[in-house]
Amino acid sequence: MSDLTNVLPTEHPILPQLTQRRSPRAYTSQPVPTAVIQQLFTAAGSAASCFGEQPWRYLVGSKETHPEAFAKLLGALGEYNQVWVKNAPVLAASLAKTTFSHDGNPNRYAVHDVGQATATLAVQAVELGLQIHQMAGFSQDAVRASFSIPAEYEIVAVFTIGYPGALDQLPDALRAREVAPRGRKPLAEYVFEGGWPQLTTERYDQAPV
């Protein structure tokens, strides 16, 4: 079932899964079946990567099957995120292998490629009636220590996976953010055909993701 809460308006028609993708903070308690989780990460694995390296790695903690891993990832988050994340059924962390496997040289495109993979996962999630919420508010050191992550792997983000839930479970401030008008910069501000423009200002709109 599609999530039609606060659908993103766009200048031009795009795939509905892209307009419906959002970053909710309210989730139902419904577990995400293992087969569905595998489908999500199969989608992530279909993304393009430099030299076909596929530098993405994912740690997954489902409350139903790996509650200890869920607790470790939850504990690594900032308290402001823990307030709502604790209700999600699945937590995951994305990581980037920062060296190429074929020659050991640094892979400066690794984080870019992990972003592509997780974005692909997010679109697949919408198609399956799920949503994810990616977060930067976590302790790199805590995640690394909890899972004994080798130094050559960079922890990129932590994200929820779950079925969107009723907004009334959220505190007032967070509920307001869920329904605040969504928007994106117009194409003219980030697509430059023919050459680099001489912009006098940059806009940094505060919009829900």
Foldseek 3Di string as FASTA:
>chain_A
DFQPAQFADDPDDDDSLVRRAFAALAFALDFDDPVNVVVLLVQLLVFDDVVSQSFKDKDKAFCVPHVVSVVLQLVQFDPVSNVRLVSFGMKMWIKGQQARPVPRHGDPCGLVSSVRSVVSSQSVLSVVQKHKHKDPGGHQVSVCVVVVDDPRMGTRTMMGIHHGDDLVVDPPVSSCLSRPRADDDDCVLPPDPPDDDDDPDHDDDDGGD
